[in-house]
Amino acid sequence: MKLLSIIIASEFYSFLVAAASAMNIEGKIIPNAVIPDVSKIDTATTRVVLNGAQYAARIKANGEFNIPNVKAGSYLLEVQSIEHIFPKLRVDVEENNVKATYTGLGIDWNQRGNSISYPLEIQAKADSEYFMERKGFNVMSMFKNPMFLMMGVSAIMMFFMPKLMKAMQEMDPEGAKEINQSQADAQKMLADMPSLSQMFAKR
């Protein structure tokens, strides 16, 4: 019986110590150029969370929030909103004290940014954008495409080469004869070369 009383007393003492060390995280969303009027925030879809959702609280109509009974420790505070993007904060809860600094994804947890006063005052960084505006047709971008340039050069060569050859034959019959002979030799050389299937055929 005495042992049971000691266990109950120790558990009750632990509960009182935990309750005494727990703190309320208080703060508010303050207006800026992104949110000129905080009363326009959708309070149904906006909430403040610690470590994903270990602790959470809704935003009030005036932008204030209060996360109760947060135990001592370090937490990542995020404002979850489908309309706006907010900065991320590292919140350190100590006995009768709350410290907050700016942080972000990819930043070492032990590397603290600029501190923020308490109670917390948080401003939105930007509006959330889920869709990218489709770019219109740009003629210049088509001319910058390497495939288009190659096709254009090939078309020009096909169009002008016969005329150029004809002009050369009229101007210099001997030179035209040499060019024709060179073309014939090149074609004969290609014809004499074995095909890929012949080169890699099993012997």
N, C-alpha and C. Protein backbone atom coordinates (compact mmCIF):
# COMPACT_ATOMS: atom_id res chain seq x y z
N MET A 1 0.84 -1.20 0.00
CA MET A 1 0.00 0.00 0.00
C MET A 1 0.87 1.25 0.00
N LYS A 2 1.92 1.17 0.85
CA LYS A 2 2.82 2.31 0.92
C LYS A 2 3.54 2.49 -0.41
N LEU A 3 3.94 1.37 -1.04
CA LEU A 3 4.62 1.44 -2.34
C LEU A 3 3.72 2.06 -3.40
N LEU A 4 2.44 1.69 -3.39
CA LEU A 4 1.49 2.25 -4.35
C LEU A 4 1.33 3.75 -4.15
N SER A 5 1.31 4.17 -2.89
CA SER A 5 1.20 5.61 -2.59
C SER A 5 2.42 6.37 -3.10
N ILE A 6 3.59 5.76 -2.97
CA ILE A 6 4.81 6.41 -3.44
C ILE A 6 4.79 6.55 -4.96
N ILE A 7 4.32 5.50 -5.66
CA ILE A 7 4.25 5.54 -7.12
C ILE A 7 3.28 6.61 -7.59
N ILE A 8 2.12 6.68 -6.95
CA ILE A 8 1.13 7.69 -7.32
C ILE A 8 1.67 9.09 -7.07
N ALA A 9 2.36 9.25 -5.95
CA ALA A 9 2.90 10.56 -5.61
C ALA A 9 3.97 10.98 -6.62
N SER A 10 4.82 10.03 -7.04
CA SER A 10 5.87 10.35 -8.01
C SER A 10 5.28 10.69 -9.37
N GLU A 11 4.25 9.96 -9.77
CA GLU A 11 3.59 10.26 -11.04
C GLU A 11 2.95 11.63 -11.01
N PHE A 12 2.31 11.95 -9.89
CA PHE A 12 1.66 13.26 -9.75
C PHE A 12 2.70 14.37 -9.76
N TYR A 13 3.85 14.11 -9.13
CA TYR A 13 4.92 15.11 -9.11
C TYR A 13 5.46 15.33 -10.52
N SER A 14 5.63 14.23 -11.27
CA SER A 14 6.10 14.35 -12.65
C SER A 14 5.12 15.14 -13.50
N PHE A 15 3.83 14.91 -13.27
CA PHE A 15 2.81 15.65 -14.01
C PHE A 15 2.89 17.13 -13.68
N LEU A 16 3.09 17.46 -12.40
CA LEU A 16 3.17 18.87 -12.00
C LEU A 16 4.41 19.53 -12.60
N VAL A 17 5.53 18.79 -12.63
CA VAL A 17 6.77 19.35 -13.22
C VAL A 17 6.58 19.60 -14.70
N ALA A 18 5.95 18.64 -15.40
CA ALA A 18 5.71 18.80 -16.83
C ALA A 18 4.77 19.95 -17.11
N ALA A 19 3.73 20.07 -16.29
CA ALA A 19 2.76 21.16 -16.46
C ALA A 19 3.42 22.50 -16.19
N ALA A 20 4.32 22.53 -15.21
CA ALA A 20 4.99 23.78 -14.87
C ALA A 20 5.95 24.21 -15.96
N SER A 21 6.62 23.24 -16.62
CA SER A 21 7.59 23.56 -17.66
C SER A 21 6.93 23.81 -19.01
N ALA A 22 5.66 23.43 -19.18
CA ALA A 22 4.96 23.66 -20.45
C ALA A 22 4.64 25.13 -20.61
N MET A 23 4.66 25.58 -21.86
CA MET A 23 4.41 26.99 -22.16
C MET A 23 3.36 27.10 -23.27
N ASN A 24 2.71 28.23 -23.32
CA ASN A 24 1.80 28.56 -24.41
C ASN A 24 2.59 29.36 -25.46
N ILE A 25 2.50 28.92 -26.72
CA ILE A 25 3.14 29.65 -27.82
C ILE A 25 2.11 30.62 -28.38
N GLU A 26 2.37 31.89 -28.18
CA GLU A 26 1.42 32.92 -28.61
C GLU A 26 2.03 33.76 -29.73
N GLY A 27 1.17 34.26 -30.57
CA GLY A 27 1.63 35.13 -31.64
C GLY A 27 0.47 35.58 -32.50
N LYS A 28 0.80 36.24 -33.60
CA LYS A 28 -0.25 36.73 -34.51
C LYS A 28 0.34 36.95 -35.89
N ILE A 29 -0.54 36.89 -36.87
CA ILE A 29 -0.20 37.25 -38.25
C ILE A 29 -0.42 38.75 -38.38
N ILE A 30 0.61 39.47 -38.80
CA ILE A 30 0.49 40.92 -38.92
C ILE A 30 0.41 41.30 -40.39
N PRO A 31 -0.28 42.40 -40.70
CA PRO A 31 -0.48 42.78 -42.11
C PRO A 31 0.80 43.29 -42.76
N ASN A 32 0.87 43.10 -44.06
CA ASN A 32 1.95 43.65 -44.89
C ASN A 32 1.42 43.80 -46.31
N ALA A 33 2.31 43.92 -47.29
CA ALA A 33 1.87 44.11 -48.67
C ALA A 33 1.18 42.87 -49.22
N VAL A 34 1.56 41.69 -48.73
CA VAL A 34 0.95 40.45 -49.21
C VAL A 34 -0.46 40.27 -48.62
N ILE A 35 -0.59 40.53 -47.31
CA ILE A 35 -1.90 40.44 -46.64
C ILE A 35 -2.18 41.79 -45.98
N PRO A 36 -2.77 42.73 -46.70
CA PRO A 36 -3.05 44.04 -46.10
C PRO A 36 -4.07 43.97 -44.96
N ASP A 37 -5.00 43.03 -45.05
CA ASP A 37 -6.06 42.92 -44.05
C ASP A 37 -6.09 41.47 -43.55
N VAL A 38 -5.63 41.26 -42.32
CA VAL A 38 -5.55 39.89 -41.79
C VAL A 38 -6.92 39.29 -41.55
N SER A 39 -7.94 40.12 -41.49
CA SER A 39 -9.29 39.58 -41.31
C SER A 39 -9.77 38.81 -42.54
N LYS A 40 -9.06 38.98 -43.66
CA LYS A 40 -9.42 38.27 -44.89
C LYS A 40 -8.82 36.87 -44.95
N ILE A 41 -7.98 36.51 -43.96
CA ILE A 41 -7.39 35.18 -43.95
C ILE A 41 -8.48 34.14 -43.74
N ASP A 42 -8.40 33.06 -44.50
CA ASP A 42 -9.35 31.97 -44.36
C ASP A 42 -8.98 31.17 -43.11
N THR A 43 -9.64 31.45 -42.01
CA THR A 43 -9.32 30.80 -40.74
C THR A 43 -9.67 29.32 -40.73
N ALA A 44 -10.54 28.89 -41.65
CA ALA A 44 -10.92 27.47 -41.69
C ALA A 44 -9.81 26.61 -42.25
N THR A 45 -8.95 27.17 -43.10
CA THR A 45 -7.90 26.38 -43.74
C THR A 45 -6.49 26.81 -43.33
N THR A 46 -6.39 27.74 -42.42
CA THR A 46 -5.08 28.22 -41.97
C THR A 46 -4.86 27.84 -40.52
N ARG A 47 -3.72 27.24 -40.24
CA ARG A 47 -3.39 26.87 -38.85
C ARG A 47 -1.90 26.93 -38.64
N VAL A 48 -1.51 27.02 -37.38
CA VAL A 48 -0.11 27.05 -36.99
C VAL A 48 0.22 25.71 -36.36
N VAL A 49 1.31 25.07 -36.83
CA VAL A 49 1.67 23.74 -36.33
C VAL A 49 3.12 23.73 -35.87
N LEU A 50 3.40 22.85 -34.93
CA LEU A 50 4.76 22.60 -34.46
C LEU A 50 5.15 21.17 -34.84
N ASN A 51 6.31 21.02 -35.47
CA ASN A 51 6.82 19.70 -35.87
C ASN A 51 5.79 18.90 -36.66
N GLY A 52 5.23 19.53 -37.68
CA GLY A 52 4.28 18.83 -38.56
C GLY A 52 2.86 18.90 -38.06
N ALA A 53 2.60 18.45 -36.86
CA ALA A 53 1.27 18.57 -36.24
C ALA A 53 1.32 18.04 -34.81
N GLN A 54 2.53 18.04 -34.22
CA GLN A 54 2.62 17.60 -32.83
C GLN A 54 1.79 18.50 -31.93
N TYR A 55 1.83 19.79 -32.22
CA TYR A 55 0.94 20.77 -31.59
C TYR A 55 0.36 21.62 -32.72
N ALA A 56 -0.85 22.08 -32.55
CA ALA A 56 -1.49 22.87 -33.61
C ALA A 56 -2.51 23.83 -33.01
N ALA A 57 -2.78 24.90 -33.73
CA ALA A 57 -3.79 25.87 -33.31
C ALA A 57 -4.32 26.59 -34.54
N ARG A 58 -5.58 26.97 -34.48
CA ARG A 58 -6.21 27.71 -35.57
C ARG A 58 -5.89 29.21 -35.44
N ILE A 59 -5.96 29.89 -36.56
CA ILE A 59 -5.81 31.34 -36.58
C ILE A 59 -7.16 31.98 -36.26
N LYS A 60 -7.14 32.96 -35.38
CA LYS A 60 -8.37 33.68 -35.07
C LYS A 60 -8.65 34.74 -36.15
N ALA A 61 -9.82 35.34 -36.07
CA ALA A 61 -10.22 36.33 -37.09
C ALA A 61 -9.30 37.55 -37.10
N ASN A 62 -8.70 37.88 -35.94
CA ASN A 62 -7.80 39.04 -35.88
C ASN A 62 -6.34 38.66 -36.15
N GLY A 63 -6.10 37.39 -36.54
CA GLY A 63 -4.76 36.94 -36.87
C GLY A 63 -3.99 36.33 -35.72
N GLU A 64 -4.56 36.32 -34.52
CA GLU A 64 -3.84 35.79 -33.36
C GLU A 64 -3.96 34.26 -33.30
N PHE A 65 -2.98 33.64 -32.65
CA PHE A 65 -3.03 32.19 -32.41
C PHE A 65 -2.39 31.89 -31.05
N ASN A 66 -2.76 30.75 -30.49
CA ASN A 66 -2.25 30.34 -29.18
C ASN A 66 -2.17 28.82 -29.15
N ILE A 67 -0.94 28.30 -29.05
CA ILE A 67 -0.74 26.85 -28.96
C ILE A 67 -0.49 26.51 -27.49
N PRO A 68 -1.41 25.84 -26.81
CA PRO A 68 -1.27 25.65 -25.36
C PRO A 68 -0.42 24.44 -24.99
N ASN A 69 0.15 24.52 -23.78
CA ASN A 69 0.83 23.39 -23.13
C ASN A 69 1.90 22.73 -24.00
N VAL A 70 2.80 23.55 -24.51
CA VAL A 70 3.92 23.04 -25.30
C VAL A 70 5.08 22.71 -24.35
N LYS A 71 5.53 21.47 -24.38
CA LYS A 71 6.60 21.05 -23.48
C LYS A 71 7.93 21.64 -23.93
N ALA A 72 8.88 21.67 -23.00
CA ALA A 72 10.21 22.20 -23.30
C ALA A 72 10.86 21.41 -24.42
N GLY A 73 11.51 22.12 -25.33
CA GLY A 73 12.16 21.49 -26.46
C GLY A 73 12.28 22.45 -27.63
N SER A 74 12.80 21.94 -28.75
CA SER A 74 12.96 22.73 -29.97
C SER A 74 11.94 22.26 -31.00
N TYR A 75 11.29 23.21 -31.65
CA TYR A 75 10.20 22.89 -32.58
C TYR A 75 10.34 23.70 -33.86
N LEU A 76 9.85 23.12 -34.95
CA LEU A 76 9.72 23.83 -36.22
C LEU A 76 8.29 24.35 -36.32
N LEU A 77 8.16 25.66 -36.34
CA LEU A 77 6.83 26.28 -36.43
C LEU A 77 6.54 26.65 -37.87
N GLU A 78 5.38 26.22 -38.36
CA GLU A 78 4.95 26.52 -39.72
C GLU A 78 3.51 27.03 -39.70
N VAL A 79 3.24 27.98 -40.56
CA VAL A 79 1.86 28.44 -40.78
C VAL A 79 1.38 27.76 -42.06
N GLN A 80 0.46 26.84 -41.92
CA GLN A 80 -0.07 26.09 -43.05
C GLN A 80 -1.25 26.84 -43.65
N SER A 81 -1.12 27.21 -44.91
CA SER A 81 -2.15 27.98 -45.60
C SER A 81 -2.16 27.60 -47.07
N ILE A 82 -3.34 27.53 -47.66
CA ILE A 82 -3.44 27.23 -49.09
C ILE A 82 -3.40 28.52 -49.93
N GLU A 83 -3.42 29.66 -49.27
CA GLU A 83 -3.47 30.93 -49.98
C GLU A 83 -2.15 31.69 -49.94
N HIS A 84 -1.36 31.51 -48.87
CA HIS A 84 -0.15 32.30 -48.70
C HIS A 84 1.01 31.43 -48.22
N ILE A 85 2.22 31.93 -48.44
CA ILE A 85 3.44 31.28 -47.99
C ILE A 85 4.02 32.10 -46.84
N PHE A 86 4.36 31.42 -45.74
CA PHE A 86 4.89 32.06 -44.55
C PHE A 86 6.29 31.54 -44.25
N PRO A 87 7.10 32.34 -43.56
CA PRO A 87 8.44 31.86 -43.18
C PRO A 87 8.35 30.77 -42.11
N LYS A 88 9.37 29.93 -42.06
CA LYS A 88 9.45 28.88 -41.05
C LYS A 88 10.31 29.38 -39.88
N LEU A 89 9.92 28.99 -38.68
CA LEU A 89 10.62 29.45 -37.49
C LEU A 89 11.09 28.26 -36.66
N ARG A 90 12.24 28.42 -36.04
CA ARG A 90 12.67 27.48 -35.00
C ARG A 90 12.27 28.11 -33.67
N VAL A 91 11.50 27.36 -32.89
CA VAL A 91 11.02 27.83 -31.59
C VAL A 91 11.62 26.95 -30.51
N ASP A 92 12.33 27.57 -29.59
CA ASP A 92 12.92 26.86 -28.45
C ASP A 92 12.13 27.22 -27.20
N VAL A 93 11.49 26.22 -26.63
CA VAL A 93 10.70 26.40 -25.41
C VAL A 93 11.56 25.99 -24.23
N GLU A 94 11.83 26.95 -23.37
CA GLU A 94 12.57 26.69 -22.15
C GLU A 94 11.67 27.00 -20.95
N GLU A 95 12.19 26.81 -19.76
CA GLU A 95 11.40 27.09 -18.57
C GLU A 95 11.12 28.58 -18.47
N ASN A 96 9.84 28.94 -18.59
CA ASN A 96 9.38 30.33 -18.50
C ASN A 96 10.00 31.22 -19.58
N ASN A 97 10.35 30.63 -20.72
CA ASN A 97 10.98 31.43 -21.76
C ASN A 97 10.75 30.78 -23.12
N VAL A 98 10.51 31.60 -24.14
CA VAL A 98 10.33 31.13 -25.51
C VAL A 98 11.22 31.97 -26.42
N LYS A 99 12.07 31.30 -27.21
CA LYS A 99 12.93 31.98 -28.17
C LYS A 99 12.58 31.49 -29.57
N ALA A 100 12.65 32.38 -30.53
CA ALA A 100 12.32 32.02 -31.91
C ALA A 100 13.31 32.65 -32.87
N THR A 101 13.71 31.89 -33.89
CA THR A 101 14.60 32.38 -34.94
C THR A 101 14.09 31.87 -36.29
N TYR A 102 14.45 32.57 -37.35
CA TYR A 102 14.07 32.15 -38.70
C TYR A 102 14.90 30.95 -39.13
N THR A 103 14.28 30.05 -39.86
CA THR A 103 14.96 28.88 -40.42
C THR A 103 14.32 28.54 -41.75
N GLY A 104 14.70 27.42 -42.33
CA GLY A 104 14.12 27.04 -43.62
C GLY A 104 14.55 25.64 -43.99
N LEU A 105 13.97 25.11 -45.06
CA LEU A 105 14.30 23.78 -45.53
C LEU A 105 15.73 23.74 -46.03
N GLY A 106 16.46 22.69 -45.65
CA GLY A 106 17.84 22.55 -46.08
C GLY A 106 18.85 23.26 -45.21
N ILE A 107 18.39 24.00 -44.21
CA ILE A 107 19.29 24.71 -43.31
C ILE A 107 19.56 23.84 -42.08
N ASP A 108 20.83 23.77 -41.69
CA ASP A 108 21.21 22.99 -40.51
C ASP A 108 20.40 23.47 -39.31
N TRP A 109 19.85 22.50 -38.56
CA TRP A 109 18.98 22.84 -37.44
C TRP A 109 19.74 23.66 -36.38
N ASN A 110 21.04 23.42 -36.25
CA ASN A 110 21.82 24.15 -35.26
C ASN A 110 22.25 25.54 -35.75
N GLN A 111 21.98 25.83 -37.00
CA GLN A 111 22.32 27.14 -37.55
C GLN A 111 21.10 28.05 -37.44
N ARG A 112 21.16 28.98 -36.55
CA ARG A 112 20.02 29.86 -36.29
C ARG A 112 20.08 31.11 -37.15
N GLY A 113 18.92 31.55 -37.62
CA GLY A 113 18.83 32.78 -38.38
C GLY A 113 18.56 33.97 -37.47
N ASN A 114 18.01 35.01 -38.04
CA ASN A 114 17.68 36.20 -37.25
C ASN A 114 16.61 35.86 -36.23
N SER A 115 16.75 36.43 -35.05
CA SER A 115 15.79 36.17 -33.98
C SER A 115 14.53 36.98 -34.20
N ILE A 116 13.44 36.52 -33.62
CA ILE A 116 12.15 37.19 -33.72
C ILE A 116 11.60 37.36 -32.30
N SER A 117 11.02 38.52 -32.04
CA SER A 117 10.56 38.82 -30.69
C SER A 117 9.36 37.95 -30.31
N TYR A 118 9.11 37.87 -29.03
CA TYR A 118 7.98 37.09 -28.51
C TYR A 118 7.08 38.02 -27.71
N PRO A 119 5.76 37.90 -27.83
CA PRO A 119 4.96 37.01 -28.68
C PRO A 119 5.28 37.19 -30.16
N LEU A 120 5.15 36.08 -30.90
CA LEU A 120 5.58 36.04 -32.28
C LEU A 120 4.73 36.93 -33.17
N GLU A 121 5.38 37.61 -34.09
CA GLU A 121 4.69 38.39 -35.12
C GLU A 121 5.19 37.89 -36.47
N ILE A 122 4.28 37.32 -37.24
CA ILE A 122 4.66 36.66 -38.50
C ILE A 122 3.98 37.35 -39.67
N GLN A 123 4.75 37.60 -40.72
CA GLN A 123 4.23 38.19 -41.95
C GLN A 123 4.31 37.18 -43.09
N ALA A 124 3.34 37.23 -43.98
CA ALA A 124 3.35 36.36 -45.16
C ALA A 124 4.46 36.79 -46.11
N LYS A 125 5.08 35.81 -46.77
CA LYS A 125 6.15 36.09 -47.73
C LYS A 125 5.62 36.32 -49.14
N ALA A 126 4.60 35.54 -49.53
CA ALA A 126 4.09 35.63 -50.90
C ALA A 126 2.76 34.89 -50.99
N ASP A 127 2.05 35.13 -52.08
CA ASP A 127 0.83 34.36 -52.37
C ASP A 127 1.23 33.00 -52.93
N SER A 128 0.44 32.01 -52.63
CA SER A 128 0.69 30.67 -53.17
C SER A 128 0.28 30.64 -54.64
N GLU A 129 1.14 30.04 -55.49
CA GLU A 129 0.86 29.92 -56.91
C GLU A 129 0.93 28.44 -57.27
N TYR A 130 -0.17 27.90 -57.75
CA TYR A 130 -0.24 26.48 -58.09
C TYR A 130 -0.17 26.23 -59.59
N PHE A 131 -0.34 27.28 -60.39
CA PHE A 131 -0.36 27.11 -61.83
C PHE A 131 0.61 28.10 -62.46
N MET A 132 1.30 27.65 -63.50
CA MET A 132 2.19 28.52 -64.26
C MET A 132 1.48 29.03 -65.50
N GLU A 133 1.66 30.31 -65.77
CA GLU A 133 1.02 30.89 -66.96
C GLU A 133 1.64 30.31 -68.22
N ARG A 134 0.78 29.84 -69.10
CA ARG A 134 1.26 29.24 -70.35
C ARG A 134 1.80 30.32 -71.27
N LYS A 135 3.02 30.08 -71.77
CA LYS A 135 3.64 31.06 -72.65
C LYS A 135 3.04 30.96 -74.05
N GLY A 136 2.87 32.11 -74.69
CA GLY A 136 2.36 32.15 -76.04
C GLY A 136 3.40 31.74 -77.07
N PHE A 137 2.97 31.62 -78.31
CA PHE A 137 3.86 31.22 -79.39
C PHE A 137 4.86 32.34 -79.68
N ASN A 138 6.13 31.97 -79.78
CA ASN A 138 7.19 32.93 -80.03
C ASN A 138 7.96 32.49 -81.28
N VAL A 139 7.92 33.33 -82.32
CA VAL A 139 8.58 32.98 -83.58
C VAL A 139 10.09 32.92 -83.40
N MET A 140 10.64 33.82 -82.59
CA MET A 140 12.09 33.86 -82.41
C MET A 140 12.61 32.59 -81.74
N SER A 141 11.83 32.05 -80.81
CA SER A 141 12.26 30.82 -80.15
C SER A 141 12.35 29.66 -81.14
N MET A 142 11.51 29.68 -82.18
CA MET A 142 11.55 28.63 -83.20
C MET A 142 12.86 28.72 -83.99
N PHE A 143 13.33 29.92 -84.27
CA PHE A 143 14.57 30.08 -85.02
C PHE A 143 15.80 29.73 -84.19
N LYS A 144 15.64 29.70 -82.87
CA LYS A 144 16.75 29.32 -81.99
C LYS A 144 16.87 27.81 -81.82
N ASN A 145 15.89 27.08 -82.33
CA ASN A 145 15.91 25.63 -82.19
C ASN A 145 16.93 25.02 -83.15
N PRO A 146 17.91 24.23 -82.65
CA PRO A 146 18.94 23.65 -83.54
C PRO A 146 18.34 22.76 -84.63
N MET A 147 17.30 22.00 -84.32
CA MET A 147 16.68 21.14 -85.32
C MET A 147 16.08 21.95 -86.46
N PHE A 148 15.45 23.06 -86.10
CA PHE A 148 14.87 23.93 -87.13
C PHE A 148 15.97 24.52 -88.01
N LEU A 149 17.09 24.91 -87.41
CA LEU A 149 18.20 25.47 -88.18
C LEU A 149 18.78 24.44 -89.13
N MET A 150 18.93 23.19 -88.67
CA MET A 150 19.45 22.14 -89.55
C MET A 150 18.51 21.88 -90.71
N MET A 151 17.20 21.85 -90.44
CA MET A 151 16.24 21.63 -91.52
C MET A 151 16.27 22.78 -92.52
N GLY A 152 16.42 24.01 -91.98
CA GLY A 152 16.46 25.17 -92.86
C GLY A 152 17.68 25.16 -93.77
N VAL A 153 18.85 24.82 -93.20
CA VAL A 153 20.07 24.76 -94.01
C VAL A 153 19.96 23.66 -95.06
N SER A 154 19.41 22.51 -94.70
CA SER A 154 19.25 21.41 -95.66
C SER A 154 18.32 21.81 -96.80
N ALA A 155 17.23 22.50 -96.46
CA ALA A 155 16.29 22.93 -97.51
C ALA A 155 16.95 23.93 -98.46
N ILE A 156 17.75 24.83 -97.88
CA ILE A 156 18.43 25.81 -98.74
C ILE A 156 19.43 25.11 -99.66
N MET A 157 20.15 24.14 -99.11
CA MET A 157 21.12 23.41 -99.94
C MET A 157 20.42 22.65 -101.06
N MET A 158 19.30 22.00 -100.75
CA MET A 158 18.57 21.26 -101.79
C MET A 158 18.05 22.18 -102.87
N PHE A 159 17.70 23.39 -102.51
CA PHE A 159 17.14 24.32 -103.48
C PHE A 159 18.22 24.98 -104.34
N PHE A 160 19.35 25.34 -103.72
CA PHE A 160 20.36 26.10 -104.43
C PHE A 160 21.45 25.24 -105.07
N MET A 161 21.67 24.02 -104.59
CA MET A 161 22.76 23.22 -105.13
C MET A 161 22.59 22.90 -106.61
N PRO A 162 21.39 22.48 -107.07
CA PRO A 162 21.26 22.21 -108.52
C PRO A 162 21.56 23.44 -109.37
N LYS A 163 21.09 24.59 -108.91
CA LYS A 163 21.34 25.82 -109.67
C LYS A 163 22.83 26.15 -109.66
N LEU A 164 23.47 25.92 -108.49
CA LEU A 164 24.90 26.21 -108.40
C LEU A 164 25.70 25.28 -109.31
N MET A 165 25.31 24.01 -109.33
CA MET A 165 26.00 23.05 -110.19
C MET A 165 25.83 23.42 -111.66
N LYS A 166 24.62 23.81 -112.01
CA LYS A 166 24.35 24.19 -113.41
C LYS A 166 25.17 25.42 -113.80
N ALA A 167 25.25 26.36 -112.85
CA ALA A 167 26.02 27.57 -113.14
C ALA A 167 27.49 27.25 -113.30
N MET A 168 28.00 26.34 -112.47
CA MET A 168 29.41 25.96 -112.58
C MET A 168 29.69 25.23 -113.89
N GLN A 169 28.78 24.39 -114.37
CA GLN A 169 28.96 23.67 -115.64
C GLN A 169 29.00 24.65 -116.79
N GLU A 170 28.18 25.68 -116.73
CA GLU A 170 28.17 26.67 -117.81
C GLU A 170 29.44 27.50 -117.81
N MET A 171 29.95 27.79 -116.62
CA MET A 171 31.13 28.65 -116.52
C MET A 171 32.42 27.86 -116.78
N ASP A 172 32.53 26.64 -116.24
CA ASP A 172 33.77 25.87 -116.35
C ASP A 172 33.44 24.40 -116.58
N PRO A 173 33.35 23.99 -117.84
CA PRO A 173 33.02 22.58 -118.12
C PRO A 173 34.01 21.61 -117.52
N GLU A 174 35.33 21.97 -117.56
CA GLU A 174 36.35 21.08 -117.01
C GLU A 174 36.17 20.91 -115.50
N GLY A 175 35.91 22.03 -114.79
CA GLY A 175 35.72 21.96 -113.33
C GLY A 175 34.49 21.13 -112.98
N ALA A 176 33.42 21.31 -113.78
CA ALA A 176 32.20 20.54 -113.53
C ALA A 176 32.45 19.06 -113.73
N LYS A 177 33.29 18.74 -114.75
CA LYS A 177 33.60 17.34 -115.00
C LYS A 177 34.36 16.72 -113.83
N GLU A 178 35.28 17.49 -113.25
CA GLU A 178 36.04 17.00 -112.09
C GLU A 178 35.12 16.79 -110.88
N ILE A 179 34.19 17.71 -110.69
CA ILE A 179 33.26 17.58 -109.55
C ILE A 179 32.41 16.34 -109.72
N ASN A 180 31.91 16.13 -110.98
CA ASN A 180 31.08 14.94 -111.23
C ASN A 180 31.88 13.66 -110.99
N GLN A 181 33.17 13.69 -111.41
CA GLN A 181 34.01 12.52 -111.21
C GLN A 181 34.25 12.26 -109.73
N SER A 182 34.44 13.34 -108.95
CA SER A 182 34.65 13.19 -107.51
C SER A 182 33.41 12.60 -106.85
N GLN A 183 32.22 13.07 -107.26
CA GLN A 183 30.98 12.53 -106.72
C GLN A 183 30.83 11.05 -107.06
N ALA A 184 31.19 10.69 -108.30
CA ALA A 184 31.09 9.28 -108.73
C ALA A 184 32.04 8.41 -107.92
N ASP A 185 33.27 8.93 -107.68
CA ASP A 185 34.24 8.17 -106.88
C ASP A 185 33.75 7.99 -105.44
N ALA A 186 33.16 9.05 -104.87
CA ALA A 186 32.66 8.96 -103.49
C ALA A 186 31.52 7.95 -103.39
N GLN A 187 30.63 7.96 -104.38
CA GLN A 187 29.53 6.99 -104.37
C GLN A 187 30.03 5.56 -104.52
N LYS A 188 31.07 5.37 -105.37
CA LYS A 188 31.63 4.03 -105.56
C LYS A 188 32.29 3.55 -104.27
N MET A 189 32.97 4.48 -103.56
CA MET A 189 33.62 4.12 -102.31
C MET A 189 32.60 3.70 -101.27
N LEU A 190 31.50 4.44 -101.20
CA LEU A 190 30.44 4.09 -100.25
C LEU A 190 29.82 2.74 -100.60
N ALA A 191 29.67 2.48 -101.89
CA ALA A 191 29.07 1.22 -102.30
C ALA A 191 29.98 0.05 -101.98
N ASP A 192 31.32 0.26 -102.07
CA ASP A 192 32.26 -0.82 -101.78
C ASP A 192 32.41 -1.10 -100.30
N MET A 193 32.04 -0.13 -99.46
CA MET A 193 32.18 -0.32 -98.00
C MET A 193 31.16 -1.33 -97.52
N PRO A 194 31.55 -2.25 -96.61
CA PRO A 194 30.59 -3.23 -96.08
C PRO A 194 29.56 -2.55 -95.19
N SER A 195 28.37 -3.08 -95.17
CA SER A 195 27.32 -2.54 -94.31
C SER A 195 27.58 -2.96 -92.87
N LEU A 196 26.83 -2.33 -91.93
CA LEU A 196 26.98 -2.66 -90.53
C LEU A 196 26.64 -4.09 -90.25
N SER A 197 25.60 -4.61 -90.95
CA SER A 197 25.20 -6.00 -90.72
C SER A 197 26.30 -6.95 -91.17
N GLN A 198 27.02 -6.57 -92.24
CA GLN A 198 28.12 -7.41 -92.73
C GLN A 198 29.32 -7.34 -91.80
N MET A 199 29.57 -6.15 -91.23
CA MET A 199 30.71 -5.96 -90.36
C MET A 199 30.56 -6.76 -89.07
N PHE A 200 29.34 -6.82 -88.55
CA PHE A 200 29.10 -7.49 -87.27
C PHE A 200 28.51 -8.90 -87.45
N ALA A 201 28.45 -9.37 -88.67
CA ALA A 201 27.92 -10.73 -88.88
C ALA A 201 28.87 -11.74 -88.31
N LYS A 202 28.30 -12.81 -87.81
CA LYS A 202 29.11 -13.90 -87.25
C LYS A 202 29.83 -14.63 -88.39
N ARG A 203 31.06 -14.88 -88.14
CA ARG A 203 31.87 -15.60 -89.14
C ARG A 203 31.84 -17.08 -88.83
